[in-house]
PDB file of N, CA and C in Angstrom:
ATOM      1  N   MET A   1      -4.510 155.853  62.569  1.00  0.00           N
ATOM      2  CA  MET A   1      -3.617 156.975  62.784  1.00  0.00           C
ATOM      3  C   MET A   1      -4.408 158.275  62.977  1.00  0.00           C
ATOM      4  N   HIS A   2      -5.593 158.361  62.385  1.00  0.00           N
ATOM      5  CA  HIS A   2      -6.405 159.574  62.542  1.00  0.00           C
ATOM      6  C   HIS A   2      -6.775 159.805  64.001  1.00  0.00           C
ATOM      7  N   ARG A   3      -7.133 158.726  64.704  1.00  0.00           N
ATOM      8  CA  ARG A   3      -7.473 158.842  66.121  1.00  0.00           C
ATOM      9  C   ARG A   3      -6.260 159.278  66.929  1.00  0.00           C
ATOM     10  N   GLU A   4      -5.106 158.740  66.572  1.00  0.00           N
ATOM     11  CA  GLU A   4      -3.853 159.084  67.239  1.00  0.00           C
ATOM     12  C   GLU A   4      -3.542 160.576  67.078  1.00  0.00           C
ATOM     13  N   ILE A   5      -3.700 161.083  65.874  1.00  0.00           N
ATOM     14  CA  ILE A   5      -3.460 162.508  65.613  1.00  0.00           C
ATOM     15  C   ILE A   5      -4.436 163.361  66.420  1.00  0.00           C
ATOM     16  N   ALA A   6      -5.694 162.967  66.453  1.00  0.00           N
ATOM     17  CA  ALA A   6      -6.700 163.717  67.212  1.00  0.00           C
ATOM     18  C   ALA A   6      -6.361 163.731  68.698  1.00  0.00           C
ATOM     19  N   ASN A   7      -5.944 162.582  69.243  1.00  0.00           N
ATOM     20  CA  ASN A   7      -5.568 162.514  70.659  1.00  0.00           C
ATOM     21  C   ASN A   7      -4.395 163.430  70.965  1.00  0.00           C
ATOM     22  N   LEU A   8      -3.393 163.406  70.100  1.00  0.00           N
ATOM     23  CA  LEU A   8      -2.209 164.222  70.331  1.00  0.00           C
ATOM     24  C   LEU A   8      -2.564 165.709  70.260  1.00  0.00           C
ATOM     25  N   GLN A   9      -3.343 166.098  69.274  1.00  0.00           N
ATOM     26  CA  GLN A   9      -3.703 167.509  69.135  1.00  0.00           C
ATOM     27  C   GLN A   9      -4.616 167.981  70.262  1.00  0.00           C
ATOM     28  N   LYS A  10      -5.407 167.090  70.817  1.00  0.00           N
ATOM     29  CA  LYS A  10      -6.270 167.458  71.941  1.00  0.00           C
ATOM     30  C   LYS A  10      -5.431 167.715  73.192  1.00  0.00           C
ATOM     31  N   ARG A  11      -4.453 166.876  73.432  1.00  0.00           N
ATOM     32  CA  ARG A  11      -3.634 166.987  74.643  1.00  0.00           C
ATOM     33  C   ARG A  11      -2.503 167.997  74.490  1.00  0.00           C
ATOM     34  N   TYR A  12      -1.931 168.077  73.312  1.00  0.00           N
ATOM     35  CA  TYR A  12      -0.828 168.995  73.022  1.00  0.00           C
ATOM     36  C   TYR A  12      -1.257 169.893  71.861  1.00  0.00           C
ATOM     37  N   GLU A  13      -2.063 170.888  72.171  1.00  0.00           N
ATOM     38  CA  GLU A  13      -2.681 171.735  71.148  1.00  0.00           C
ATOM     39  C   GLU A  13      -1.673 172.481  70.285  1.00  0.00           C
ATOM     40  N   ALA A  14      -0.494 172.758  70.823  1.00  0.00           N
ATOM     41  CA  ALA A  14       0.511 173.534  70.081  1.00  0.00           C
ATOM     42  C   ALA A  14       1.259 172.691  69.048  1.00  0.00           C
ATOM     43  N   PHE A  15       0.974 171.389  68.994  1.00  0.00           N
ATOM     44  CA  PHE A  15       1.662 170.520  68.038  1.00  0.00           C
ATOM     45  C   PHE A  15       0.878 170.443  66.735  1.00  0.00           C
ATOM     46  N   HIS A  16       1.618 170.534  65.640  1.00  0.00           N
ATOM     47  CA  HIS A  16       1.034 170.442  64.303  1.00  0.00           C
ATOM     48  C   HIS A  16       1.759 169.354  63.528  1.00  0.00           C
ATOM     49  N   PHE A  17       1.086 168.781  62.548  1.00  0.00           N
ATOM     50  CA  PHE A  17       1.641 167.661  61.795  1.00  0.00           C
ATOM     51  C   PHE A  17       2.156 168.104  60.433  1.00  0.00           C
ATOM     52  N   TYR A  18       3.276 167.491  60.042  1.00  0.00           N
ATOM     53  CA  TYR A  18       3.932 167.802  58.779  1.00  0.00           C
ATOM     54  C   TYR A  18       4.469 166.512  58.165  1.00  0.00           C
ATOM     55  N   ILE A  19       4.829 166.592  56.897  1.00  0.00           N
ATOM     56  CA  ILE A  19       5.522 165.506  56.208  1.00  0.00           C
ATOM     57  C   ILE A  19       6.929 165.995  55.908  1.00  0.00           C
ATOM     58  N   ASP A  20       7.932 165.224  56.327  1.00  0.00           N
ATOM     59  CA  ASP A  20       9.333 165.561  56.054  1.00  0.00           C
ATOM     60  C   ASP A  20       9.655 165.097  54.640  1.00  0.00           C
ATOM     61  N   ARG A  21       9.640 166.006  53.702  1.00  0.00           N
ATOM     62  CA  ARG A  21       9.859 165.682  52.288  1.00  0.00           C
ATOM     63  C   ARG A  21      11.332 165.440  51.967  1.00  0.00           C
ATOM     64  N   SER A  22      12.233 165.740  52.914  1.00  0.00           N
ATOM     65  CA  SER A  22      13.658 165.496  52.665  1.00  0.00           C
ATOM     66  C   SER A  22      13.984 164.008  52.736  1.00  0.00           C
ATOM     67  N   GLU A  23      13.051 163.229  53.259  1.00  0.00           N
ATOM     68  CA  GLU A  23      13.251 161.788  53.351  1.00  0.00           C
ATOM     69  C   GLU A  23      12.517 161.100  52.203  1.00  0.00           C
ATOM     70  N   GLU A  24      13.044 159.967  51.805  1.00  0.00           N
ATOM     71  CA  GLU A  24      12.532 159.251  50.635  1.00  0.00           C
ATOM     72  C   GLU A  24      11.033 158.984  50.701  1.00  0.00           C
ATOM     73  N   ASN A  25      10.558 158.507  51.840  1.00  0.00           N
ATOM     74  CA  ASN A  25       9.147 158.144  51.960  1.00  0.00           C
ATOM     75  C   ASN A  25       8.280 159.248  52.547  1.00  0.00           C
ATOM     76  N   GLY A  26       8.861 160.397  52.857  1.00  0.00           N
ATOM     77  CA  GLY A  26       8.074 161.480  53.439  1.00  0.00           C
ATOM     78  C   GLY A  26       7.569 161.144  54.823  1.00  0.00           C
ATOM     79  N   THR A  27       8.434 161.175  55.804  1.00  0.00           N
ATOM     80  CA  THR A  27       8.103 160.787  57.175  1.00  0.00           C
ATOM     81  C   THR A  27       7.151 161.782  57.834  1.00  0.00           C
ATOM     82  N   LEU A  28       6.109 161.256  58.482  1.00  0.00           N
ATOM     83  CA  LEU A  28       5.172 162.078  59.243  1.00  0.00           C
ATOM     84  C   LEU A  28       5.818 162.469  60.562  1.00  0.00           C
ATOM     85  N   TYR A  29       5.687 163.746  60.928  1.00  0.00           N
ATOM     86  CA  TYR A  29       6.146 164.172  62.248  1.00  0.00           C
ATOM     87  C   TYR A  29       5.237 165.258  62.793  1.00  0.00           C
ATOM     88  N   ALA A  30       5.245 165.369  64.115  1.00  0.00           N
ATOM     89  CA  ALA A  30       4.532 166.442  64.805  1.00  0.00           C
ATOM     90  C   ALA A  30       5.579 167.405  65.334  1.00  0.00           C
ATOM     91  N   HIS A  31       5.310 168.698  65.223  1.00  0.00           N
ATOM     92  CA  HIS A  31       6.255 169.718  65.674  1.00  0.00           C
ATOM     93  C   HIS A  31       5.525 170.657  66.626  1.00  0.00           C
ATOM     94  N   GLY A  32       6.182 170.951  67.748  1.00  0.00           N
ATOM     95  CA  GLY A  32       5.572 171.860  68.707  1.00  0.00           C
ATOM     96  C   GLY A  32       6.521 172.173  69.839  1.00  0.00           C
ATOM     97  N   THR A  33       5.979 172.750  70.888  1.00  0.00           N
ATOM     98  CA  THR A  33       6.765 173.173  72.041  1.00  0.00           C
ATOM     99  C   THR A  33       6.297 172.427  73.275  1.00  0.00           C
ATOM    100  N   LEU A  34       7.267 171.927  74.042  1.00  0.00           N
ATOM    101  CA  LEU A  34       6.981 171.311  75.333  1.00  0.00           C
ATOM    102  C   LEU A  34       7.526 172.212  76.432  1.00  0.00           C
ATOM    103  N   PHE A  35       6.841 172.214  77.569  1.00  0.00           N
ATOM    104  CA  PHE A  35       7.258 173.006  78.718  1.00  0.00           C
ATOM    105  C   PHE A  35       7.568 172.084  79.883  1.00  0.00           C
ATOM    106  N   THR A  36       8.642 172.396  80.598  1.00  0.00           N
ATOM    107  CA  THR A  36       9.000 171.627  81.788  1.00  0.00           C
ATOM    108  C   THR A  36       8.370 172.283  83.014  1.00  0.00           C
ATOM    109  N   ALA A  37       8.523 171.631  84.171  1.00  0.00           N
ATOM    110  CA  ALA A  37       7.982 172.164  85.421  1.00  0.00           C
ATOM    111  C   ALA A  37       8.574 173.534  85.746  1.00  0.00           C
ATOM    112  N   SER A  38       9.791 173.780  85.286  1.00  0.00           N
ATOM    113  CA  SER A  38      10.431 175.081  85.526  1.00  0.00           C
ATOM    114  C   SER A  38      10.015 176.122  84.483  1.00  0.00           C
ATOM    115  N   GLU A  39       9.029 175.762  83.654  1.00  0.00           N
ATOM    116  CA  GLU A  39       8.435 176.634  82.648  1.00  0.00           C
ATOM    117  C   GLU A  39       9.381 176.999  81.503  1.00  0.00           C
ATOM    118  N   ASN A  40      10.419 176.204  81.311  1.00  0.00           N
ATOM    119  CA  ASN A  40      11.273 176.380  80.142  1.00  0.00           C
ATOM    120  C   ASN A  40      10.587 175.735  78.942  1.00  0.00           C
ATOM    121  N   ALA A  41      10.737 176.357  77.781  1.00  0.00           N
ATOM    122  CA  ALA A  41      10.106 175.873  76.555  1.00  0.00           C
ATOM    123  C   ALA A  41      11.157 175.267  75.637  1.00  0.00           C
ATOM    124  N   TYR A  42      10.795 174.137  75.013  1.00  0.00           N
ATOM    125  CA  TYR A  42      11.710 173.435  74.111  1.00  0.00           C
ATOM    126  C   TYR A  42      10.973 173.043  72.838  1.00  0.00           C
ATOM    127  N   LYS A  43      11.635 173.250  71.693  1.00  0.00           N
ATOM    128  CA  LYS A  43      11.064 172.854  70.402  1.00  0.00           C
ATOM    129  C   LYS A  43      11.321 171.362  70.194  1.00  0.00           C
ATOM    130  N   ILE A  44      10.261 170.642  69.867  1.00  0.00           N
ATOM    131  CA  ILE A  44      10.326 169.186  69.721  1.00  0.00           C
ATOM    132  C   ILE A  44       9.706 168.775  68.392  1.00  0.00           C
ATOM    133  N   ARG A  45      10.316 167.786  67.773  1.00  0.00           N
ATOM    134  CA  ARG A  45       9.694 167.082  66.650  1.00  0.00           C
ATOM    135  C   ARG A  45       9.527 165.630  67.066  1.00  0.00           C
ATOM    136  N   LEU A  46       8.368 165.087  66.804  1.00  0.00           N
ATOM    137  CA  LEU A  46       8.080 163.690  67.111  1.00  0.00           C
ATOM    138  C   LEU A  46       7.880 162.972  65.781  1.00  0.00           C
ATOM    139  N   TYR A  47       8.870 162.147  65.401  1.00  0.00           N
ATOM    140  CA  TYR A  47       8.848 161.440  64.114  1.00  0.00           C
ATOM    141  C   TYR A  47       8.184 160.075  64.263  1.00  0.00           C
ATOM    142  N   PHE A  48       7.286 159.770  63.347  1.00  0.00           N
ATOM    143  CA  PHE A  48       6.564 158.499  63.360  1.00  0.00           C
ATOM    144  C   PHE A  48       7.177 157.550  62.334  1.00  0.00           C
ATOM    145  N   PRO A  49       7.678 156.394  62.781  1.00  0.00           N
ATOM    146  CA  PRO A  49       8.229 155.426  61.825  1.00  0.00           C
ATOM    147  C   PRO A  49       7.105 154.801  60.996  1.00  0.00           C
ATOM    148  N   GLU A  50       7.474 154.258  59.856  1.00  0.00           N
ATOM    149  CA  GLU A  50       6.473 153.633  58.974  1.00  0.00           C
ATOM    150  C   GLU A  50       5.685 152.540  59.682  1.00  0.00           C
ATOM    151  N   ILE A  51       6.320 151.831  60.603  1.00  0.00           N
ATOM    152  CA  ILE A  51       5.648 150.703  61.259  1.00  0.00           C
ATOM    153  C   ILE A  51       4.983 151.101  62.580  1.00  0.00           C
ATOM    154  N   TYR A  52       4.813 152.397  62.817  1.00  0.00           N
ATOM    155  CA  TYR A  52       4.099 152.852  64.008  1.00  0.00           C
ATOM    156  C   TYR A  52       2.675 152.312  63.958  1.00  0.00           C
ATOM    157  N   PRO A  53       2.119 151.791  65.038  1.00  0.00           N
ATOM    158  CA  PRO A  53       2.520 151.859  66.434  1.00  0.00           C
ATOM    159  C   PRO A  53       3.370 150.686  66.918  1.00  0.00           C
ATOM    160  N   ASN A  54       3.861 149.857  65.998  1.00  0.00           N
ATOM    161  CA  ASN A  54       4.683 148.720  66.412  1.00  0.00           C
ATOM    162  C   ASN A  54       6.090 149.134  66.818  1.00  0.00           C
ATOM    163  N   CYS A  55       6.427 150.361  66.595  1.00  0.00           N
ATOM    164  CA  CYS A  55       7.732 150.909  66.954  1.00  0.00           C
ATOM    165  C   CYS A  55       7.493 152.322  67.484  1.00  0.00           C
ATOM    166  N   GLN A  56       8.225 152.704  68.519  1.00  0.00           N
ATOM    167  CA  GLN A  56       7.968 154.006  69.137  1.00  0.00           C
ATOM    168  C   GLN A  56       8.335 155.170  68.221  1.00  0.00           C
ATOM    169  N   PRO A  57       7.595 156.274  68.347  1.00  0.00           N
ATOM    170  CA  PRO A  57       7.988 157.475  67.628  1.00  0.00           C
ATOM    171  C   PRO A  57       9.285 158.023  68.226  1.00  0.00           C
ATOM    172  N   LEU A  58      10.011 158.787  67.440  1.00  0.00           N
ATOM    173  CA  LEU A  58      11.302 159.315  67.866  1.00  0.00           C
ATOM    174  C   LEU A  58      11.172 160.792  68.208  1.00  0.00           C
ATOM    175  N   PRO A  59      11.291 161.151  69.502  1.00  0.00           N
ATOM    176  CA  PRO A  59      11.273 162.565  69.859  1.00  0.00           C
ATOM    177  C   PRO A  59      12.664 163.169  69.672  1.00  0.00           C
ATOM    178  N   VAL A  60      12.708 164.310  68.996  1.00  0.00           N
ATOM    179  CA  VAL A  60      13.971 164.991  68.720  1.00  0.00           C
ATOM    180  C   VAL A  60      13.840 166.429  69.213  1.00  0.00           C
ATOM    181  N   VAL A  61      14.762 166.827  70.096  1.00  0.00           N
ATOM    182  CA  VAL A  61      14.754 168.204  70.595  1.00  0.00           C
ATOM    183  C   VAL A  61      15.576 169.054  69.634  1.00  0.00           C
ATOM    184  N   MET A  62      15.008 170.186  69.222  1.00  0.00           N
ATOM    185  CA  MET A  62      15.585 171.000  68.157  1.00  0.00           C
ATOM    186  C   MET A  62      16.295 172.258  68.660  1.00  0.00           C
ATOM    187  N   ASP A  63      16.329 172.479  69.967  1.00  0.00           N
ATOM    188  CA  ASP A  63      16.912 173.704  70.521  1.00  0.00           C
ATOM    189  C   ASP A  63      18.422 173.747  70.341  1.00  0.00           C
ATOM    190  N   ASP A  64      18.904 174.872  69.835  1.00  0.00           N
ATOM    191  CA  ASP A  64      20.339 175.040  69.579  1.00  0.00           C
ATOM    192  C   ASP A  64      21.182 174.862  70.835  1.00  0.00           C
ATOM    193  N   ASP A  65      20.702 175.353  71.984  1.00  0.00           N
ATOM    194  CA  ASP A  65      21.466 175.226  73.234  1.00  0.00           C
ATOM    195  C   ASP A  65      21.679 173.764  73.607  1.00  0.00           C
ATOM    196  N   ILE A  66      20.651 172.954  73.454  1.00  0.00           N
ATOM    197  CA  ILE A  66      20.768 171.534  73.792  1.00  0.00           C
ATOM    198  C   ILE A  66      21.686 170.831  72.797  1.00  0.00           C
ATOM    199  N   ILE A  67      21.567 171.173  71.535  1.00  0.00           N
ATOM    200  CA  ILE A  67      22.444 170.571  70.520  1.00  0.00           C
ATOM    201  C   ILE A  67      23.898 170.910  70.824  1.00  0.00           C
ATOM    202  N   GLN A  68      24.165 172.157  71.195  1.00  0.00           N
ATOM    203  CA  GLN A  68      25.532 172.561  71.523  1.00  0.00           C
ATOM    204  C   GLN A  68      26.029 171.861  72.785  1.00  0.00           C
ATOM    205  N   ASP A  69      25.169 171.748  73.798  1.00  0.00           N
ATOM    206  CA  ASP A  69      25.552 171.017  75.017  1.00  0.00           C
ATOM    207  C   ASP A  69      25.907 169.580  74.679  1.00  0.00           C
ATOM    208  N   TYR A  70      25.129 168.962  73.790  1.00  0.00           N
ATOM    209  CA  TYR A  70      25.420 167.588  73.381  1.00  0.00           C
ATOM    210  C   TYR A  70      26.791 167.511  72.716  1.00  0.00           C
ATOM    211  N   ARG A  71      27.061 168.416  71.809  1.00  0.00           N
ATOM    212  CA  ARG A  71      28.350 168.400  71.098  1.00  0.00           C
ATOM    213  C   ARG A  71      29.526 168.618  72.050  1.00  0.00           C
ATOM    214  N   ASN A  72      29.321 169.415  73.074  1.00  0.00           N
ATOM    215  CA  ASN A  72      30.400 169.719  74.019  1.00  0.00           C
ATOM    216  C   ASN A  72      30.622 168.631  75.062  1.00  0.00           C
ATOM    217  N   ARG A  73      29.570 167.863  75.394  1.00  0.00           N
ATOM    218  CA  ARG A  73      29.675 166.907  76.505  1.00  0.00           C
ATOM    219  C   ARG A  73      28.956 165.596  76.207  1.00  0.00           C
ATOM    220  N   THR A  74      29.251 164.986  75.087  1.00  0.00           N
ATOM    221  CA  THR A  74      28.563 163.745  74.727  1.00  0.00           C
ATOM    222  C   THR A  74      28.808 162.633  75.735  1.00  0.00           C
ATOM    223  N   TYR A  75      29.927 162.669  76.439  1.00  0.00           N
ATOM    224  CA  TYR A  75      30.285 161.573  77.342  1.00  0.00           C
ATOM    225  C   TYR A  75      29.350 161.431  78.534  1.00  0.00           C
ATOM    226  N   ASP A  76      28.699 162.502  78.983  1.00  0.00           N
ATOM    227  CA  ASP A  76      27.801 162.369  80.133  1.00  0.00           C
ATOM    228  C   ASP A  76      26.428 162.990  79.882  1.00  0.00           C
ATOM    229  N   PHE A  77      26.105 163.218  78.615  1.00  0.00           N
ATOM    230  CA  PHE A  77      24.823 163.827  78.251  1.00  0.00           C
ATOM    231  C   PHE A  77      23.688 162.853  78.570  1.00  0.00           C
ATOM    232  N   PRO A  78      22.499 163.367  78.971  1.00  0.00           N
ATOM    233  CA  PRO A  78      21.368 162.468  79.256  1.00  0.00           C
ATOM    234  C   PRO A  78      21.101 161.485  78.110  1.00  0.00           C
ATOM    235  N   SER A  79      20.539 160.347  78.463  1.00  0.00           N
ATOM    236  CA  SER A  79      20.328 159.219  77.557  1.00  0.00           C
ATOM    237  C   SER A  79      19.728 159.667  76.220  1.00  0.00           C
ATOM    238  N   ASN A  80      20.404 159.270  75.125  1.00  0.00           N
ATOM    239  CA  ASN A  80      19.997 159.762  73.812  1.00  0.00           C
ATOM    240  C   ASN A  80      20.435 158.800  72.719  1.00  0.00           C
ATOM    241  N   PHE A  81      19.962 159.068  71.504  1.00  0.00           N
ATOM    242  CA  PHE A  81      20.356 158.305  70.316  1.00  0.00           C
ATOM    243  C   PHE A  81      21.240 159.132  69.395  1.00  0.00           C
ATOM    244  N   GLY A  82      21.850 160.181  69.931  1.00  0.00           N
ATOM    245  CA  GLY A  82      22.764 161.006  69.152  1.00  0.00           C
ATOM    246  C   GLY A  82      22.048 162.056  68.320  1.00  0.00           C
ATOM    247  N   LEU A  83      22.820 162.690  67.461  1.00  0.00           N
ATOM    248  CA  LEU A  83      22.265 163.707  66.570  1.00  0.00           C
ATOM    249  C   LEU A  83      21.546 163.016  65.417  1.00  0.00           C
ATOM    250  N   GLN A  84      20.274 163.339  65.267  1.00  0.00           N
ATOM    251  CA  GLN A  84      19.459 162.807  64.178  1.00  0.00           C
ATOM    252  C   GLN A  84      18.469 163.878  63.756  1.00  0.00           C
ATOM    253  N   LYS A  85      18.189 163.946  62.483  1.00  0.00           N
ATOM    254  CA  LYS A  85      17.148 164.837  61.960  1.00  0.00           C
ATOM    255  C   LYS A  85      17.337 166.276  62.442  1.00  0.00           C
ATOM    256  N   GLN A  86      18.601 166.706  62.509  1.00  0.00           N
ATOM    257  CA  GLN A  86      19.000 168.071  62.851  1.00  0.00           C
ATOM    258  C   GLN A  86      18.777 168.442  64.314  1.00  0.00           C
ATOM    259  N   GLY A  87      18.659 167.441  65.182  1.00  0.00           N
ATOM    260  CA  GLY A  87      18.496 167.699  66.609  1.00  0.00           C
ATOM    261  C   GLY A  87      19.046 166.537  67.414  1.00  0.00           C
ATOM    262  N   VAL A  88      18.792 166.550  68.719  1.00  0.00           N
ATOM    263  CA  VAL A  88      19.222 165.461  69.593  1.00  0.00           C
ATOM    264  C   VAL A  88      18.041 164.514  69.790  1.00  0.00           C
ATOM    265  N   ALA A  89      18.230 163.254  69.391  1.00  0.00           N
ATOM    266  CA  ALA A  89      17.186 162.237  69.531  1.00  0.00           C
ATOM    267  C   ALA A  89      17.183 161.723  70.964  1.00  0.00           C
ATOM    268  N   MET A  90      16.057 161.880  71.635  1.00  0.00           N
ATOM    269  CA  MET A  90      15.941 161.502  73.043  1.00  0.00           C
ATOM    270  C   MET A  90      15.652 160.014  73.191  1.00  0.00           C
ATOM    271  N   ARG A  91      16.348 159.372  74.129  1.00  0.00           N
ATOM    272  CA  ARG A  91      16.004 157.990  74.500  1.00  0.00           C
ATOM    273  C   ARG A  91      14.975 158.111  75.615  1.00  0.00           C
ATOM    274  N   ILE A  92      13.732 157.758  75.331  1.00  0.00           N
ATOM    275  CA  ILE A  92      12.657 157.944  76.304  1.00  0.00           C
ATOM    276  C   ILE A  92      12.241 156.658  76.994  1.00  0.00           C
ATOM    277  N   THR A  93      12.842 155.545  76.599  1.00  0.00           N
ATOM    278  CA  THR A  93      12.592 154.279  77.291  1.00  0.00           C
ATOM    279  C   THR A  93      13.916 153.779  77.843  1.00  0.00           C
ATOM    280  N   ASP A  94      13.842 153.005  78.901  1.00  0.00           N
ATOM    281  CA  ASP A  94      15.055 152.430  79.471  1.00  0.00           C
ATOM    282  C   ASP A  94      15.650 151.420  78.499  1.00  0.00           C
ATOM    283  N   ILE A  95      16.958 151.260  78.567  1.00  0.00           N
ATOM    284  CA  ILE A  95      17.637 150.279  77.720  1.00  0.00           C
ATOM    285  C   ILE A  95      17.021 148.908  77.985  1.00  0.00           C
ATOM    286  N   GLY A  96      16.637 148.227  76.928  1.00  0.00           N
ATOM    287  CA  GLY A  96      16.012 146.911  77.046  1.00  0.00           C
ATOM    288  C   GLY A  96      14.497 146.959  77.148  1.00  0.00           C
ATOM    289  N   GLU A  97      13.939 148.110  77.472  1.00  0.00           N
ATOM    290  CA  GLU A  97      12.490 148.251  77.572  1.00  0.00           C
ATOM    291  C   GLU A  97      11.896 148.360  76.173  1.00  0.00           C
ATOM    292  N   LYS A  98      10.827 147.666  75.939  1.00  0.00           N
ATOM    293  CA  LYS A  98      10.185 147.656  74.618  1.00  0.00           C
ATOM    294  C   LYS A  98       9.009 148.634  74.586  1.00  0.00           C
ATOM    295  N   TRP A  99       8.812 149.242  73.442  1.00  0.00           N
ATOM    296  CA  TRP A  99       7.641 150.081  73.208  1.00  0.00           C
ATOM    297  C   TRP A  99       6.427 149.171  73.093  1.00  0.00           C
ATOM    298  N   LYS A 100       5.354 149.510  73.770  1.00  0.00           N
ATOM    299  CA  LYS A 100       4.136 148.708  73.719  1.00  0.00           C
ATOM    300  C   LYS A 100       3.187 149.316  72.694  1.00  0.00           C
ATOM    301  N   THR A 101       2.577 148.463  71.905  1.00  0.00           N
ATOM    302  CA  THR A 101       1.711 148.957  70.834  1.00  0.00           C
ATOM    303  C   THR A 101       0.480 149.688  71.364  1.00  0.00           C
ATOM    304  N   ASP A 102       0.148 149.503  72.648  1.00  0.00           N
ATOM    305  CA  ASP A 102      -0.995 150.239  73.196  1.00  0.00           C
ATOM    306  C   ASP A 102      -0.595 151.615  73.728  1.00  0.00           C
ATOM    307  N   HIS A 103       0.700 151.947  73.684  1.00  0.00           N
ATOM    308  CA  HIS A 103       1.129 153.299  74.026  1.00  0.00           C
ATOM    309  C   HIS A 103       0.677 154.249  72.928  1.00  0.00           C
ATOM    310  N   LEU A 104       0.447 155.483  73.303  1.00  0.00           N
ATOM    311  CA  LEU A 104       0.045 156.506  72.348  1.00  0.00           C
ATOM    312  C   LEU A 104       1.197 157.473  72.104  1.00  0.00           C
ATOM    313  N   ALA A 105       1.074 158.277  71.080  1.00  0.00           N
ATOM    314  CA  ALA A 105       2.082 159.309  70.819  1.00  0.00           C
ATOM    315  C   ALA A 105       2.187 160.258  72.006  1.00  0.00           C
ATOM    316  N   THR A 106       1.070 160.467  72.704  1.00  0.00           N
ATOM    317  CA  THR A 106       1.121 161.327  73.890  1.00  0.00           C
ATOM    318  C   THR A 106       2.033 160.730  74.956  1.00  0.00           C
ATOM    319  N   THR A 107       2.131 159.407  75.010  1.00  0.00           N
ATOM    320  CA  THR A 107       3.056 158.745  75.937  1.00  0.00           C
ATOM    321  C   THR A 107       4.484 159.173  75.631  1.00  0.00           C
ATOM    322  N   ALA A 108       4.822 159.229  74.354  1.00  0.00           N
ATOM    323  CA  ALA A 108       6.168 159.639  73.953  1.00  0.00           C
ATOM    324  C   ALA A 108       6.432 161.088  74.342  1.00  0.00           C
ATOM    325  N   LEU A 109       5.447 161.963  74.162  1.00  0.00           N
ATOM    326  CA  LEU A 109       5.648 163.366  74.532  1.00  0.00           C
ATOM    327  C   LEU A 109       5.703 163.542  76.043  1.00  0.00           C
ATOM    328  N   ASP A 110       4.889 162.786  76.783  1.00  0.00           N
ATOM    329  CA  ASP A 110       4.981 162.824  78.251  1.00  0.00           C
ATOM    330  C   ASP A 110       6.383 162.417  78.696  1.00  0.00           C
ATOM    331  N   SER A 111       6.915 161.373  78.082  1.00  0.00           N
ATOM    332  CA  SER A 111       8.268 160.905  78.410  1.00  0.00           C
ATOM    333  C   SER A 111       9.322 161.925  77.991  1.00  0.00           C
ATOM    334  N   ALA A 112       9.074 162.637  76.906  1.00  0.00           N
ATOM    335  CA  ALA A 112      10.009 163.675  76.460  1.00  0.00           C
ATOM    336  C   ALA A 112      10.084 164.811  77.477  1.00  0.00           C
ATOM    337  N   VAL A 113       8.957 165.151  78.099  1.00  0.00           N
ATOM    338  CA  VAL A 113       8.965 166.187  79.142  1.00  0.00           C
ATOM    339  C   VAL A 113       9.831 165.733  80.315  1.00  0.00           C
ATOM    340  N   ILE A 114       9.734 164.467  80.689  1.00  0.00           N
ATOM    341  CA  ILE A 114      10.574 163.925  81.771  1.00  0.00           C
ATOM    342  C   ILE A 114      12.037 163.989  81.364  1.00  0.00           C
ATOM    343  N   TRP A 115      12.349 163.617  80.126  1.00  0.00           N
ATOM    344  CA  TRP A 115      13.723 163.682  79.630  1.00  0.00           C
ATOM    345  C   TRP A 115      14.247 165.115  79.723  1.00  0.00           C
ATOM    346  N   LEU A 116      13.442 166.088  79.317  1.00  0.00           N
ATOM    347  CA  LEU A 116      13.854 167.492  79.364  1.00  0.00           C
ATOM    348  C   LEU A 116      14.108 167.947  80.799  1.00  0.00           C
ATOM    349  N   HIS A 117      13.292 167.472  81.726  1.00  0.00           N
ATOM    350  CA  HIS A 117      13.509 167.790  83.141  1.00  0.00           C
ATOM    351  C   HIS A 117      14.854 167.219  83.607  1.00  0.00           C
ATOM    352  N   LYS A 118      15.145 165.986  83.224  1.00  0.00           N
ATOM    353  CA  LYS A 118      16.437 165.380  83.570  1.00  0.00           C
ATOM    354  C   LYS A 118      17.586 166.168  82.948  1.00  0.00           C
ATOM    355  N   TYR A 119      17.389 166.647  81.725  1.00  0.00           N
ATOM    356  CA  TYR A 119      18.406 167.474  81.066  1.00  0.00           C
ATOM    357  C   TYR A 119      18.671 168.736  81.887  1.00  0.00           C
ATOM    358  N   GLU A 120      17.611 169.384  82.362  1.00  0.00           N
ATOM    359  CA  GLU A 120      17.779 170.608  83.151  1.00  0.00           C
ATOM    360  C   GLU A 120      18.548 170.340  84.439  1.00  0.00           C
ATOM    361  N   ILE A 121      18.262 169.217  85.080  1.00  0.00           N
ATOM    362  CA  ILE A 121      19.007 168.844  86.292  1.00  0.00           C
ATOM    363  C   ILE A 121      20.469 168.612  85.941  1.00  0.00           C
ATOM    364  N   TRP A 122      20.718 167.859  84.875  1.00  0.00           N
ATOM    365  CA  TRP A 122      22.088 167.577  84.431  1.00  0.00           C
ATOM    366  C   TRP A 122      22.835 168.873  84.143  1.00  0.00           C
ATOM    367  N   LYS A 123      22.201 169.789  83.444  1.00  0.00           N
ATOM    368  CA  LYS A 123      22.845 171.044  83.046  1.00  0.00           C
ATOM    369  C   LYS A 123      23.201 171.901  84.260  1.00  0.00           C
ATOM    370  N   ASN A 124      22.397 171.832  85.295  1.00  0.00           N
ATOM    371  CA  ASN A 124      22.606 172.682  86.474  1.00  0.00           C
ATOM    372  C   ASN A 124      23.459 172.036  87.555  1.00  0.00           C
ATOM    373  N   GLN A 125      24.042 170.880  87.266  1.00  0.00           N
ATOM    374  CA  GLN A 125      24.903 170.219  88.264  1.00  0.00           C
ATOM    375  C   GLN A 125      26.211 170.954  88.408  1.00  0.00           C
TER     376      GLN A 125
END
């Protein structure tokens, strides 16, 4: 996990690691800002499950505007796992697609940027 943290911090310097003490086991997560091609900034938390890397980390967007959009239009909101951990949990893999253990946390953040881009397109329709 140390190598994984180093890789993530090298590629996404604005991300820092924390322990979520509100959960029984103290879940590790990275918190930072992602930028889309349109230069919009979004606050993201990337939660690591206990069995990581055998299970994908969960990216959660924490922006109030996105949370409100989700609450107002859940029926056609971009692919997600609903409200979790005080934000919108992004579905970053296709339904039925499995997380590969050789993927890195940076893979999840790269996919989160794509999800955010899709959100911007959806919002501007």
